[in-house]
Amino acid sequence: EVQIVESGGGSVQPGGSLRLSCSVFGFTFSSAAVYWFRRAPGRGLEWVSYIYPDGTARYTESVQGRFTISRDDAKSTVYLQMDTLKPEDTNVYYCQIGQTRGQGTQVTVSS
């Protein structure tokens, strides 16, 4: 059974930073792409960033230049470094590998 554990969410002021972690158990991590999603108002989940096994990363336009995704295959963990956070980044962030998605971690950006 695949299990995903997300952590690192919290409350910060605008301009602040958080680092989300996504630890995966029971999956061949090193050969899989890993995705971060969040909910778009009225549109369901939208992808925020993803990283391929070779380290190639992509970001949605609204976070480009502010978020950085990375992976540590030895720890079966993906990180999402979130800098220069904005109130509109407030959301629940979900990690997904294959068909399995985690429970999400709340990020709140507010003054």
Foldseek 3Di string as FASTA:
>chain_A
DKAKDKDWADEEAQQAKIKMKIAIPDDQLLQWKKWKWWQDVPPGIDTAKIAGSVGDIDGDPVQPPFWDWGDDSVRNMIMIIGGSDDQVVFTWMWMDIDHDIHPTGTHGYHD
